[in-house]
Amino acid sequence: REGLNAANWYVVTHLSYFSFEVLNNYLHESGFEIIEVNYSPEGY
């Protein structure tokens, strides 16, 4: 909805932005199993 220009995403600068699928794959490929995923309660 907001795109990468969403002001609240720039409170802390991130070097990379990921889709869920890409980050899920990276975590698995690097030897981690996702136990739980929580969505931000504020909806950001």
PDB file of all heavy atoms in Angstrom:
ATOM      1  N   ARG A   1       0.825  -1.213   0.000  1.00  0.00           N
ATOM      2  CA  ARG A   1       0.000   0.000   0.000  1.00  0.00           C
ATOM      3  C   ARG A   1       0.860   1.265   0.000  1.00  0.00           C
ATOM      4  O   ARG A   1       0.610   2.202  -0.738  1.00  0.00           O
ATOM      5  CB  ARG A   1      -0.923  -0.018   1.217  1.00  0.00           C
ATOM      6  CG  ARG A   1      -1.918   1.116   1.252  1.00  0.00           C
ATOM      7  CD  ARG A   1      -2.879   1.030   2.432  1.00  0.00           C
ATOM      8  NE  ARG A   1      -2.144   1.077   3.680  1.00  0.00           N
ATOM      9  CZ  ARG A   1      -2.234   0.171   4.657  1.00  0.00           C
ATOM     10  NH1 ARG A   1      -3.024  -0.866   4.525  1.00  0.00           N
ATOM     11  NH2 ARG A   1      -1.528   0.292   5.750  1.00  0.00           N
ATOM     12  N   GLU A   2       1.897   1.290   0.832  1.00  0.00           N
ATOM     13  CA  GLU A   2       2.701   2.503   1.014  1.00  0.00           C
ATOM     14  C   GLU A   2       3.959   2.545   0.148  1.00  0.00           C
ATOM     15  O   GLU A   2       4.518   3.601  -0.082  1.00  0.00           O
ATOM     16  CB  GLU A   2       3.115   2.639   2.484  1.00  0.00           C
ATOM     17  CG  GLU A   2       1.952   2.749   3.447  1.00  0.00           C
ATOM     18  CD  GLU A   2       1.152   4.025   3.263  1.00  0.00           C
ATOM     19  OE1 GLU A   2       1.749   5.060   2.921  1.00  0.00           O
ATOM     20  OE2 GLU A   2      -0.073   3.972   3.461  1.00  0.00           O
ATOM     21  N   GLY A   3       4.436   1.381  -0.286  1.00  0.00           N
ATOM     22  CA  GLY A   3       5.656   1.332  -1.073  1.00  0.00           C
ATOM     23  C   GLY A   3       6.888   1.533  -0.206  1.00  0.00           C
ATOM     24  O   GLY A   3       6.800   1.712   1.008  1.00  0.00           O
ATOM     25  N   LEU A   4       8.045   1.486  -0.821  1.00  0.00           N
ATOM     26  CA  LEU A   4       9.294   1.614  -0.077  1.00  0.00           C
ATOM     27  C   LEU A   4       9.523   3.012   0.470  1.00  0.00           C
ATOM     28  O   LEU A   4      10.446   3.240   1.233  1.00  0.00           O
ATOM     29  CB  LEU A   4      10.479   1.207  -0.960  1.00  0.00           C
ATOM     30  CG  LEU A   4      10.576  -0.280  -1.273  1.00  0.00           C
ATOM     31  CD1 LEU A   4      11.757  -0.545  -2.190  1.00  0.00           C
ATOM     32  CD2 LEU A   4      10.685  -1.110  -0.011  1.00  0.00           C
ATOM     33  N   ASN A   5       8.687   3.959   0.100  1.00  0.00           N
ATOM     34  CA  ASN A   5       8.853   5.317   0.600  1.00  0.00           C
ATOM     35  C   ASN A   5       8.074   5.571   1.883  1.00  0.00           C
ATOM     36  O   ASN A   5       7.983   6.714   2.336  1.00  0.00           O
ATOM     37  CB  ASN A   5       8.422   6.327  -0.468  1.00  0.00           C
ATOM     38  CG  ASN A   5       9.333   6.275  -1.668  1.00  0.00           C
ATOM     39  OD1 ASN A   5      10.533   6.120  -1.536  1.00  0.00           O
ATOM     40  ND2 ASN A   5       8.767   6.376  -2.856  1.00  0.00           N
ATOM     41  N   ALA A   6       7.507   4.526   2.482  1.00  0.00           N
ATOM     42  CA  ALA A   6       6.761   4.687   3.728  1.00  0.00           C
ATOM     43  C   ALA A   6       7.681   5.291   4.788  1.00  0.00           C
ATOM     44  O   ALA A   6       8.747   4.758   5.072  1.00  0.00           O
ATOM     45  CB  ALA A   6       6.221   3.341   4.195  1.00  0.00           C
ATOM     46  N   ALA A   7       7.286   6.411   5.334  1.00  0.00           N
ATOM     47  CA  ALA A   7       8.131   7.151   6.279  1.00  0.00           C
ATOM     48  C   ALA A   7       8.519   6.315   7.486  1.00  0.00           C
ATOM     49  O   ALA A   7       9.654   6.396   7.966  1.00  0.00           O
ATOM     50  CB  ALA A   7       7.409   8.418   6.726  1.00  0.00           C
ATOM     51  N   ASN A   8       7.605   5.495   7.993  1.00  0.00           N
ATOM     52  CA  ASN A   8       7.923   4.716   9.192  1.00  0.00           C
ATOM     53  C   ASN A   8       8.977   3.642   8.935  1.00  0.00           C
ATOM     54  O   ASN A   8       9.574   3.132   9.860  1.00  0.00           O
ATOM     55  CB  ASN A   8       6.649   4.078   9.771  1.00  0.00           C
ATOM     56  CG  ASN A   8       5.980   3.164   8.785  1.00  0.00           C
ATOM     57  OD1 ASN A   8       5.601   3.594   7.703  1.00  0.00           O
ATOM     58  ND2 ASN A   8       5.806   1.904   9.142  1.00  0.00           N
ATOM     59  N   TRP A   9       9.227   3.285   7.689  1.00  0.00           N
ATOM     60  CA  TRP A   9      10.272   2.305   7.391  1.00  0.00           C
ATOM     61  C   TRP A   9      11.660   2.945   7.430  1.00  0.00           C
ATOM     62  O   TRP A   9      12.660   2.258   7.399  1.00  0.00           O
ATOM     63  CB  TRP A   9      10.043   1.674   6.032  1.00  0.00           C
ATOM     64  CG  TRP A   9       8.994   0.602   6.047  1.00  0.00           C
ATOM     65  CD1 TRP A   9       8.086   0.368   7.037  1.00  0.00           C
ATOM     66  CD2 TRP A   9       8.756  -0.367   5.060  1.00  0.00           C
ATOM     67  NE1 TRP A   9       7.298  -0.689   6.705  1.00  0.00           N
ATOM     68  CE2 TRP A   9       7.679  -1.168   5.486  1.00  0.00           C
ATOM     69  CE3 TRP A   9       9.338  -0.647   3.840  1.00  0.00           C
ATOM     70  CZ2 TRP A   9       7.182  -2.225   4.746  1.00  0.00           C
ATOM     71  CZ3 TRP A   9       8.831  -1.694   3.087  1.00  0.00           C
ATOM     72  CH2 TRP A   9       7.774  -2.477   3.540  1.00  0.00           C
ATOM     73  N   TYR A  10      11.717   4.255   7.508  1.00  0.00           N
ATOM     74  CA  TYR A  10      13.016   4.933   7.493  1.00  0.00           C
ATOM     75  C   TYR A  10      13.408   5.500   8.849  1.00  0.00           C
ATOM     76  O   TYR A  10      14.346   6.273   8.945  1.00  0.00           O
ATOM     77  CB  TYR A  10      13.022   6.025   6.416  1.00  0.00           C
ATOM     78  CG  TYR A  10      13.026   5.405   5.049  1.00  0.00           C
ATOM     79  CD1 TYR A  10      11.851   5.261   4.330  1.00  0.00           C
ATOM     80  CD2 TYR A  10      14.200   4.897   4.511  1.00  0.00           C
ATOM     81  CE1 TYR A  10      11.849   4.645   3.089  1.00  0.00           C
ATOM     82  CE2 TYR A  10      14.202   4.273   3.270  1.00  0.00           C
ATOM     83  CZ  TYR A  10      13.034   4.164   2.565  1.00  0.00           C
ATOM     84  OH  TYR A  10      13.033   3.549   1.354  1.00  0.00           O
ATOM     85  N   VAL A  11      12.688   5.099   9.907  1.00  0.00           N
ATOM     86  CA  VAL A  11      13.101   5.496  11.253  1.00  0.00           C
ATOM     87  C   VAL A  11      14.497   4.939  11.506  1.00  0.00           C
ATOM     88  O   VAL A  11      15.363   5.601  12.041  1.00  0.00           O
ATOM     89  CB  VAL A  11      12.095   4.976  12.304  1.00  0.00           C
ATOM     90  CG1 VAL A  11      12.595   5.233  13.706  1.00  0.00           C
ATOM     91  CG2 VAL A  11      10.735   5.624  12.081  1.00  0.00           C
ATOM     92  N   VAL A  12      14.705   3.707  11.093  1.00  0.00           N
ATOM     93  CA  VAL A  12      16.023   3.072  11.102  1.00  0.00           C
ATOM     94  C   VAL A  12      16.300   2.687   9.658  1.00  0.00           C
ATOM     95  O   VAL A  12      15.472   2.032   9.025  1.00  0.00           O
ATOM     96  CB  VAL A  12      16.029   1.811  11.995  1.00  0.00           C
ATOM     97  CG1 VAL A  12      17.360   1.105  11.904  1.00  0.00           C
ATOM     98  CG2 VAL A  12      15.689   2.174  13.427  1.00  0.00           C
ATOM     99  N   THR A  13      17.424   3.087   9.127  1.00  0.00           N
ATOM    100  CA  THR A  13      17.747   2.791   7.737  1.00  0.00           C
ATOM    101  C   THR A  13      18.121   1.319   7.589  1.00  0.00           C
ATOM    102  O   THR A  13      18.877   0.786   8.376  1.00  0.00           O
ATOM    103  CB  THR A  13      18.915   3.667   7.256  1.00  0.00           C
ATOM    104  OG1 THR A  13      18.549   5.031   7.428  1.00  0.00           O
ATOM    105  CG2 THR A  13      19.220   3.422   5.795  1.00  0.00           C
ATOM    106  N   HIS A  14      17.561   0.667   6.584  1.00  0.00           N
ATOM    107  CA  HIS A  14      17.856  -0.730   6.299  1.00  0.00           C
ATOM    108  C   HIS A  14      18.708  -0.800   5.042  1.00  0.00           C
ATOM    109  O   HIS A  14      18.482  -0.057   4.092  1.00  0.00           O
ATOM    110  CB  HIS A  14      16.563  -1.515   6.081  1.00  0.00           C
ATOM    111  CG  HIS A  14      15.706  -1.564   7.305  1.00  0.00           C
ATOM    112  ND1 HIS A  14      15.821  -2.558   8.234  1.00  0.00           N
ATOM    113  CD2 HIS A  14      14.752  -0.729   7.756  1.00  0.00           C
ATOM    114  CE1 HIS A  14      14.956  -2.339   9.206  1.00  0.00           C
ATOM    115  NE2 HIS A  14      14.300  -1.233   8.946  1.00  0.00           N
ATOM    116  N   LEU A  15      19.686  -1.707   5.054  1.00  0.00           N
ATOM    117  CA  LEU A  15      20.527  -1.886   3.875  1.00  0.00           C
ATOM    118  C   LEU A  15      19.808  -2.670   2.783  1.00  0.00           C
ATOM    119  O   LEU A  15      20.066  -2.493   1.606  1.00  0.00           O
ATOM    120  CB  LEU A  15      21.822  -2.618   4.251  1.00  0.00           C
ATOM    121  CG  LEU A  15      22.724  -1.890   5.238  1.00  0.00           C
ATOM    122  CD1 LEU A  15      23.913  -2.769   5.595  1.00  0.00           C
ATOM    123  CD2 LEU A  15      23.191  -0.563   4.657  1.00  0.00           C
ATOM    124  N   SER A  16      18.907  -3.567   3.208  1.00  0.00           N
ATOM    125  CA  SER A  16      18.178  -4.408   2.266  1.00  0.00           C
ATOM    126  C   SER A  16      16.724  -4.523   2.697  1.00  0.00           C
ATOM    127  O   SER A  16      16.418  -4.441   3.887  1.00  0.00           O
ATOM    128  CB  SER A  16      18.780  -5.824   2.231  1.00  0.00           C
ATOM    129  OG  SER A  16      20.132  -5.785   1.863  1.00  0.00           O
ATOM    130  N   TYR A  17      15.850  -4.737   1.737  1.00  0.00           N
ATOM    131  CA  TYR A  17      14.448  -5.015   2.001  1.00  0.00           C
ATOM    132  C   TYR A  17      14.130  -6.351   1.338  1.00  0.00           C
ATOM    133  O   TYR A  17      14.642  -6.652   0.264  1.00  0.00           O
ATOM    134  CB  TYR A  17      13.544  -3.918   1.437  1.00  0.00           C
ATOM    135  CG  TYR A  17      13.680  -2.628   2.201  1.00  0.00           C
ATOM    136  CD1 TYR A  17      14.605  -1.670   1.826  1.00  0.00           C
ATOM    137  CD2 TYR A  17      12.898  -2.387   3.320  1.00  0.00           C
ATOM    138  CE1 TYR A  17      14.737  -0.487   2.543  1.00  0.00           C
ATOM    139  CE2 TYR A  17      13.019  -1.207   4.044  1.00  0.00           C
ATOM    140  CZ  TYR A  17      13.941  -0.262   3.645  1.00  0.00           C
ATOM    141  OH  TYR A  17      14.073   0.889   4.360  1.00  0.00           O
ATOM    142  N   PHE A  18      13.294  -7.147   1.993  1.00  0.00           N
ATOM    143  CA  PHE A  18      13.027  -8.502   1.529  1.00  0.00           C
ATOM    144  C   PHE A  18      11.541  -8.750   1.388  1.00  0.00           C
ATOM    145  O   PHE A  18      10.731  -8.177   2.117  1.00  0.00           O
ATOM    146  CB  PHE A  18      13.566  -9.535   2.543  1.00  0.00           C
ATOM    147  CG  PHE A  18      15.013  -9.356   2.869  1.00  0.00           C
ATOM    148  CD1 PHE A  18      15.398  -8.658   3.991  1.00  0.00           C
ATOM    149  CD2 PHE A  18      15.988  -9.900   2.049  1.00  0.00           C
ATOM    150  CE1 PHE A  18      16.738  -8.490   4.295  1.00  0.00           C
ATOM    151  CE2 PHE A  18      17.331  -9.736   2.346  1.00  0.00           C
ATOM    152  CZ  PHE A  18      17.703  -9.034   3.475  1.00  0.00           C
ATOM    153  N   SER A  19      11.205  -9.690   0.504  1.00  0.00           N
ATOM    154  CA  SER A  19       9.859 -10.257   0.513  1.00  0.00           C
ATOM    155  C   SER A  19       9.883 -11.390   1.542  1.00  0.00           C
ATOM    156  O   SER A  19      10.954 -11.867   1.940  1.00  0.00           O
ATOM    157  CB  SER A  19       9.497 -10.811  -0.870  1.00  0.00           C
ATOM    158  OG  SER A  19      10.277 -11.953  -1.171  1.00  0.00           O
ATOM    159  N   PHE A  20       8.706 -11.830   1.964  1.00  0.00           N
ATOM    160  CA  PHE A  20       8.634 -12.928   2.917  1.00  0.00           C
ATOM    161  C   PHE A  20       9.328 -14.169   2.351  1.00  0.00           C
ATOM    162  O   PHE A  20      10.109 -14.824   3.029  1.00  0.00           O
ATOM    163  CB  PHE A  20       7.174 -13.248   3.266  1.00  0.00           C
ATOM    164  CG  PHE A  20       7.043 -14.387   4.227  1.00  0.00           C
ATOM    165  CD1 PHE A  20       7.088 -14.159   5.590  1.00  0.00           C
ATOM    166  CD2 PHE A  20       6.898 -15.684   3.774  1.00  0.00           C
ATOM    167  CE1 PHE A  20       6.992 -15.207   6.484  1.00  0.00           C
ATOM    168  CE2 PHE A  20       6.792 -16.741   4.655  1.00  0.00           C
ATOM    169  CZ  PHE A  20       6.843 -16.498   6.016  1.00  0.00           C
ATOM    170  N   GLU A  21       9.048 -14.481   1.089  1.00  0.00           N
ATOM    171  CA  GLU A  21       9.601 -15.685   0.464  1.00  0.00           C
ATOM    172  C   GLU A  21      11.131 -15.653   0.420  1.00  0.00           C
ATOM    173  O   GLU A  21      11.789 -16.646   0.736  1.00  0.00           O
ATOM    174  CB  GLU A  21       9.040 -15.855  -0.950  1.00  0.00           C
ATOM    175  CG  GLU A  21       9.536 -17.099  -1.640  1.00  0.00           C
ATOM    176  CD  GLU A  21       8.977 -17.267  -3.040  1.00  0.00           C
ATOM    177  OE1 GLU A  21       8.148 -16.450  -3.480  1.00  0.00           O
ATOM    178  OE2 GLU A  21       9.377 -18.235  -3.698  1.00  0.00           O
ATOM    179  N   VAL A  22      11.702 -14.528   0.045  1.00  0.00           N
ATOM    180  CA  VAL A  22      13.158 -14.422  -0.049  1.00  0.00           C
ATOM    181  C   VAL A  22      13.791 -14.584   1.326  1.00  0.00           C
ATOM    182  O   VAL A  22      14.753 -15.349   1.500  1.00  0.00           O
ATOM    183  CB  VAL A  22      13.584 -13.084  -0.696  1.00  0.00           C
ATOM    184  CG1 VAL A  22      15.066 -12.826  -0.510  1.00  0.00           C
ATOM    185  CG2 VAL A  22      13.224 -13.084  -2.180  1.00  0.00           C
ATOM    186  N   LEU A  23      13.263 -13.895   2.337  1.00  0.00           N
ATOM    187  CA  LEU A  23      13.851 -14.005   3.665  1.00  0.00           C
ATOM    188  C   LEU A  23      13.671 -15.417   4.224  1.00  0.00           C
ATOM    189  O   LEU A  23      14.590 -15.974   4.829  1.00  0.00           O
ATOM    190  CB  LEU A  23      13.253 -12.976   4.615  1.00  0.00           C
ATOM    191  CG  LEU A  23      13.967 -12.835   5.957  1.00  0.00           C
ATOM    192  CD1 LEU A  23      15.458 -12.622   5.792  1.00  0.00           C
ATOM    193  CD2 LEU A  23      13.362 -11.714   6.753  1.00  0.00           C
ATOM    194  N   ASN A  24      12.526 -16.023   3.987  1.00  0.00           N
ATOM    195  CA  ASN A  24      12.293 -17.401   4.403  1.00  0.00           C
ATOM    196  C   ASN A  24      13.347 -18.330   3.786  1.00  0.00           C
ATOM    197  O   ASN A  24      13.929 -19.174   4.472  1.00  0.00           O
ATOM    198  CB  ASN A  24      10.885 -17.821   3.992  1.00  0.00           C
ATOM    199  CG  ASN A  24      10.533 -19.214   4.420  1.00  0.00           C
ATOM    200  OD1 ASN A  24      10.811 -19.621   5.541  1.00  0.00           O
ATOM    201  ND2 ASN A  24       9.909 -19.954   3.532  1.00  0.00           N
ATOM    202  N   ASN A  25      13.604 -18.174   2.493  1.00  0.00           N
ATOM    203  CA  ASN A  25      14.608 -18.996   1.806  1.00  0.00           C
ATOM    204  C   ASN A  25      16.010 -18.739   2.349  1.00  0.00           C
ATOM    205  O   ASN A  25      16.777 -19.676   2.560  1.00  0.00           O
ATOM    206  CB  ASN A  25      14.573 -18.754   0.300  1.00  0.00           C
ATOM    207  CG  ASN A  25      13.338 -19.325  -0.349  1.00  0.00           C
ATOM    208  OD1 ASN A  25      12.683 -20.206   0.187  1.00  0.00           O
ATOM    209  ND2 ASN A  25      12.984 -18.793  -1.512  1.00  0.00           N
ATOM    210  N   TYR A  26      16.358 -17.472   2.572  1.00  0.00           N
ATOM    211  CA  TYR A  26      17.680 -17.135   3.117  1.00  0.00           C
ATOM    212  C   TYR A  26      17.887 -17.786   4.484  1.00  0.00           C
ATOM    213  O   TYR A  26      18.954 -18.332   4.771  1.00  0.00           O
ATOM    214  CB  TYR A  26      17.845 -15.627   3.257  1.00  0.00           C
ATOM    215  CG  TYR A  26      18.250 -14.896   1.993  1.00  0.00           C
ATOM    216  CD1 TYR A  26      18.411 -13.519   2.019  1.00  0.00           C
ATOM    217  CD2 TYR A  26      18.482 -15.548   0.795  1.00  0.00           C
ATOM    218  CE1 TYR A  26      18.787 -12.816   0.880  1.00  0.00           C
ATOM    219  CE2 TYR A  26      18.852 -14.852  -0.342  1.00  0.00           C
ATOM    220  CZ  TYR A  26      19.009 -13.493  -0.290  1.00  0.00           C
ATOM    221  OH  TYR A  26      19.389 -12.804  -1.411  1.00  0.00           O
ATOM    222  N   LEU A  27      16.878 -17.697   5.331  1.00  0.00           N
ATOM    223  CA  LEU A  27      17.009 -18.279   6.669  1.00  0.00           C
ATOM    224  C   LEU A  27      17.210 -19.785   6.581  1.00  0.00           C
ATOM    225  O   LEU A  27      18.075 -20.351   7.260  1.00  0.00           O
ATOM    226  CB  LEU A  27      15.794 -17.928   7.527  1.00  0.00           C
ATOM    227  CG  LEU A  27      15.743 -16.475   7.979  1.00  0.00           C
ATOM    228  CD1 LEU A  27      14.365 -16.130   8.533  1.00  0.00           C
ATOM    229  CD2 LEU A  27      16.823 -16.168   9.004  1.00  0.00           C
ATOM    230  N   HIS A  28      16.444 -20.443   5.738  1.00  0.00           N
ATOM    231  CA  HIS A  28      16.584 -21.895   5.594  1.00  0.00           C
ATOM    232  C   HIS A  28      17.954 -22.259   5.012  1.00  0.00           C
ATOM    233  O   HIS A  28      18.627 -23.158   5.516  1.00  0.00           O
ATOM    234  CB  HIS A  28      15.464 -22.460   4.722  1.00  0.00           C
ATOM    235  CG  HIS A  28      15.531 -23.951   4.595  1.00  0.00           C
ATOM    236  ND1 HIS A  28      15.192 -24.806   5.624  1.00  0.00           N
ATOM    237  CD2 HIS A  28      15.941 -24.742   3.584  1.00  0.00           C
ATOM    238  CE1 HIS A  28      15.387 -26.049   5.236  1.00  0.00           C
ATOM    239  NE2 HIS A  28      15.838 -26.035   3.996  1.00  0.00           N
ATOM    240  N   GLU A  29      18.364 -21.557   3.950  1.00  0.00           N
ATOM    241  CA  GLU A  29      19.652 -21.847   3.305  1.00  0.00           C
ATOM    242  C   GLU A  29      20.833 -21.596   4.234  1.00  0.00           C
ATOM    243  O   GLU A  29      21.887 -22.210   4.066  1.00  0.00           O
ATOM    244  CB  GLU A  29      19.814 -21.007   2.035  1.00  0.00           C
ATOM    245  CG  GLU A  29      18.960 -21.458   0.884  1.00  0.00           C
ATOM    246  CD  GLU A  29      19.176 -20.607  -0.352  1.00  0.00           C
ATOM    247  OE1 GLU A  29      20.342 -20.289  -0.667  1.00  0.00           O
ATOM    248  OE2 GLU A  29      18.171 -20.243  -0.988  1.00  0.00           O
ATOM    249  N   SER A  30      20.664 -20.715   5.192  1.00  0.00           N
ATOM    250  CA  SER A  30      21.763 -20.409   6.105  1.00  0.00           C
ATOM    251  C   SER A  30      21.736 -21.286   7.357  1.00  0.00           C
ATOM    252  O   SER A  30      22.555 -21.111   8.250  1.00  0.00           O
ATOM    253  CB  SER A  30      21.751 -18.925   6.489  1.00  0.00           C
ATOM    254  OG  SER A  30      20.553 -18.606   7.165  1.00  0.00           O
ATOM    255  N   GLY A  31      20.799 -22.246   7.409  1.00  0.00           N
ATOM    256  CA  GLY A  31      20.811 -23.210   8.495  1.00  0.00           C
ATOM    257  C   GLY A  31      19.895 -22.894   9.657  1.00  0.00           C
ATOM    258  O   GLY A  31      20.115 -23.383  10.767  1.00  0.00           O
ATOM    259  N   PHE A  32      18.850 -22.109   9.419  1.00  0.00           N
ATOM    260  CA  PHE A  32      17.891 -21.781  10.465  1.00  0.00           C
ATOM    261  C   PHE A  32      16.518 -22.340  10.109  1.00  0.00           C
ATOM    262  O   PHE A  32      16.132 -22.379   8.945  1.00  0.00           O
ATOM    263  CB  PHE A  32      17.774 -20.269  10.664  1.00  0.00           C
ATOM    264  CG  PHE A  32      18.982 -19.654  11.285  1.00  0.00           C
ATOM    265  CD1 PHE A  32      19.901 -18.960  10.518  1.00  0.00           C
ATOM    266  CD2 PHE A  32      19.223 -19.766  12.646  1.00  0.00           C
ATOM    267  CE1 PHE A  32      21.027 -18.386  11.085  1.00  0.00           C
ATOM    268  CE2 PHE A  32      20.338 -19.200  13.228  1.00  0.00           C
ATOM    269  CZ  PHE A  32      21.242 -18.510  12.451  1.00  0.00           C
ATOM    270  N   GLU A  33      15.799 -22.757  11.147  1.00  0.00           N
ATOM    271  CA  GLU A  33      14.415 -23.194  11.001  1.00  0.00           C
ATOM    272  C   GLU A  33      13.528 -22.141  11.662  1.00  0.00           C
ATOM    273  O   GLU A  33      13.746 -21.784  12.822  1.00  0.00           O
ATOM    274  CB  GLU A  33      14.205 -24.532  11.695  1.00  0.00           C
ATOM    275  CG  GLU A  33      12.778 -25.008  11.686  1.00  0.00           C
ATOM    276  CD  GLU A  33      12.582 -26.275  12.503  1.00  0.00           C
ATOM    277  OE1 GLU A  33      13.523 -26.746  13.150  1.00  0.00           O
ATOM    278  OE2 GLU A  33      11.452 -26.774  12.487  1.00  0.00           O
ATOM    279  N   ILE A  34      12.553 -21.636  10.936  1.00  0.00           N
ATOM    280  CA  ILE A  34      11.648 -20.641  11.499  1.00  0.00           C
ATOM    281  C   ILE A  34      10.676 -21.351  12.440  1.00  0.00           C
ATOM    282  O   ILE A  34       9.948 -22.249  12.027  1.00  0.00           O
ATOM    283  CB  ILE A  34      10.895 -19.876  10.402  1.00  0.00           C
ATOM    284  CG1 ILE A  34      11.886 -19.104   9.522  1.00  0.00           C
ATOM    285  CG2 ILE A  34       9.869 -18.927  11.019  1.00  0.00           C
ATOM    286  CD1 ILE A  34      11.257 -18.460   8.309  1.00  0.00           C
ATOM    287  N   ILE A  35      10.690 -20.929  13.687  1.00  0.00           N
ATOM    288  CA  ILE A  35       9.826 -21.515  14.708  1.00  0.00           C
ATOM    289  C   ILE A  35       8.515 -20.734  14.803  1.00  0.00           C
ATOM    290  O   ILE A  35       7.448 -21.289  14.974  1.00  0.00           O
ATOM    291  CB  ILE A  35      10.530 -21.514  16.086  1.00  0.00           C
ATOM    292  CG1 ILE A  35      11.865 -22.256  16.003  1.00  0.00           C
ATOM    293  CG2 ILE A  35       9.634 -22.077  17.170  1.00  0.00           C
ATOM    294  CD1 ILE A  35      11.752 -23.698  15.601  1.00  0.00           C
ATOM    295  N   GLU A  36       8.634 -19.415  14.672  1.00  0.00           N
ATOM    296  CA  GLU A  36       7.459 -18.553  14.833  1.00  0.00           C
ATOM    297  C   GLU A  36       7.667 -17.273  14.036  1.00  0.00           C
ATOM    298  O   GLU A  36       8.785 -16.784  13.904  1.00  0.00           O
ATOM    299  CB  GLU A  36       7.292 -18.216  16.316  1.00  0.00           C
ATOM    300  CG  GLU A  36       6.086 -17.388  16.654  1.00  0.00           C
ATOM    301  CD  GLU A  36       5.964 -17.135  18.152  1.00  0.00           C
ATOM    302  OE1 GLU A  36       6.544 -17.886  18.949  1.00  0.00           O
ATOM    303  OE2 GLU A  36       5.284 -16.160  18.502  1.00  0.00           O
ATOM    304  N   VAL A  37       6.583 -16.737  13.499  1.00  0.00           N
ATOM    305  CA  VAL A  37       6.608 -15.445  12.815  1.00  0.00           C
ATOM    306  C   VAL A  37       5.498 -14.599  13.419  1.00  0.00           C
ATOM    307  O   VAL A  37       4.354 -15.038  13.503  1.00  0.00           O
ATOM    308  CB  VAL A  37       6.376 -15.587  11.290  1.00  0.00           C
ATOM    309  CG1 VAL A  37       6.337 -14.217  10.630  1.00  0.00           C
ATOM    310  CG2 VAL A  37       7.443 -16.454  10.651  1.00  0.00           C
ATOM    311  N   ASN A  38       5.857 -13.393  13.853  1.00  0.00           N
ATOM    312  CA  ASN A  38       4.868 -12.461  14.397  1.00  0.00           C
ATOM    313  C   ASN A  38       4.779 -11.235  13.503  1.00  0.00           C
ATOM    314  O   ASN A  38       5.803 -10.676  13.120  1.00  0.00           O
ATOM    315  CB  ASN A  38       5.251 -12.008  15.810  1.00  0.00           C
ATOM    316  CG  ASN A  38       5.141 -13.134  16.802  1.00  0.00           C
ATOM    317  OD1 ASN A  38       4.288 -13.995  16.689  1.00  0.00           O
ATOM    318  ND2 ASN A  38       6.014 -13.141  17.790  1.00  0.00           N
ATOM    319  N   TYR A  39       3.558 -10.844  13.199  1.00  0.00           N
ATOM    320  CA  TYR A  39       3.334  -9.623  12.423  1.00  0.00           C
ATOM    321  C   TYR A  39       3.305  -8.438  13.381  1.00  0.00           C
ATOM    322  O   TYR A  39       2.854  -8.556  14.518  1.00  0.00           O
ATOM    323  CB  TYR A  39       2.009  -9.714  11.664  1.00  0.00           C
ATOM    324  CG  TYR A  39       2.060 -10.747  10.581  1.00  0.00           C
ATOM    325  CD1 TYR A  39       1.745 -12.076  10.846  1.00  0.00           C
ATOM    326  CD2 TYR A  39       2.447 -10.408   9.290  1.00  0.00           C
ATOM    327  CE1 TYR A  39       1.818 -13.038   9.849  1.00  0.00           C
ATOM    328  CE2 TYR A  39       2.509 -11.360   8.289  1.00  0.00           C
ATOM    329  CZ  TYR A  39       2.187 -12.671   8.577  1.00  0.00           C
ATOM    330  OH  TYR A  39       2.256 -13.618   7.592  1.00  0.00           O
ATOM    331  N   SER A  40       3.783  -7.304  12.934  1.00  0.00           N
ATOM    332  CA  SER A  40       3.806  -6.118  13.775  1.00  0.00           C
ATOM    333  C   SER A  40       2.383  -5.731  14.162  1.00  0.00           C
ATOM    334  O   SER A  40       1.519  -5.582  13.295  1.00  0.00           O
ATOM    335  CB  SER A  40       4.498  -4.956  13.063  1.00  0.00           C
ATOM    336  OG  SER A  40       3.885  -4.686  11.819  1.00  0.00           O
ATOM    337  N   PRO A  41       2.119  -5.585  15.447  1.00  0.00           N
ATOM    338  CA  PRO A  41       0.755  -5.274  15.885  1.00  0.00           C
ATOM    339  C   PRO A  41       0.266  -3.909  15.405  1.00  0.00           C
ATOM    340  O   PRO A  41      -0.926  -3.694  15.254  1.00  0.00           O
ATOM    341  CB  PRO A  41       0.851  -5.322  17.413  1.00  0.00           C
ATOM    342  CG  PRO A  41       2.287  -5.142  17.724  1.00  0.00           C
ATOM    343  CD  PRO A  41       3.045  -5.687  16.553  1.00  0.00           C
ATOM    344  N   GLU A  42       1.187  -3.000  15.105  1.00  0.00           N
ATOM    345  CA  GLU A  42       0.776  -1.670  14.659  1.00  0.00           C
ATOM    346  C   GLU A  42       0.429  -1.642  13.176  1.00  0.00           C
ATOM    347  O   GLU A  42      -0.038  -0.645  12.657  1.00  0.00           O
ATOM    348  CB  GLU A  42       1.870  -0.636  14.981  1.00  0.00           C
ATOM    349  CG  GLU A  42       3.135  -0.756  14.164  1.00  0.00           C
ATOM    350  CD  GLU A  42       4.125  -1.813  14.635  1.00  0.00           C
ATOM    351  OE1 GLU A  42       3.918  -2.405  15.714  1.00  0.00           O
ATOM    352  OE2 GLU A  42       5.106  -2.054  13.918  1.00  0.00           O
ATOM    353  N   GLY A  43       0.670  -2.749  12.457  1.00  0.00           N
ATOM    354  CA  GLY A  43       0.273  -2.846  11.055  1.00  0.00           C
ATOM    355  C   GLY A  43       1.205  -2.168  10.079  1.00  0.00           C
ATOM    356  O   GLY A  43       0.797  -1.795   8.990  1.00  0.00           O
ATOM    357  N   TYR A  44       2.479  -2.026  10.444  1.00  0.00           N
ATOM    358  CA  TYR A  44       3.424  -1.336   9.560  1.00  0.00           C
ATOM    359  C   TYR A  44       4.269  -2.275   8.705  1.00  0.00           C
ATOM    360  O   TYR A  44       5.287  -1.878   8.172  1.00  0.00           O
ATOM    361  CB  TYR A  44       4.345  -0.423  10.364  1.00  0.00           C
ATOM    362  CG  TYR A  44       3.639   0.792  10.922  1.00  0.00           C
ATOM    363  CD1 TYR A  44       3.958   1.277  12.176  1.00  0.00           C
ATOM    364  CD2 TYR A  44       2.652   1.458  10.201  1.00  0.00           C
ATOM    365  CE1 TYR A  44       3.318   2.390  12.696  1.00  0.00           C
ATOM    366  CE2 TYR A  44       2.010   2.560  10.707  1.00  0.00           C
ATOM    367  CZ  TYR A  44       2.348   3.020  11.956  1.00  0.00           C
ATOM    368  OH  TYR A  44       1.715   4.119  12.463  1.00  0.00           O
TER     369      TYR A  44
END
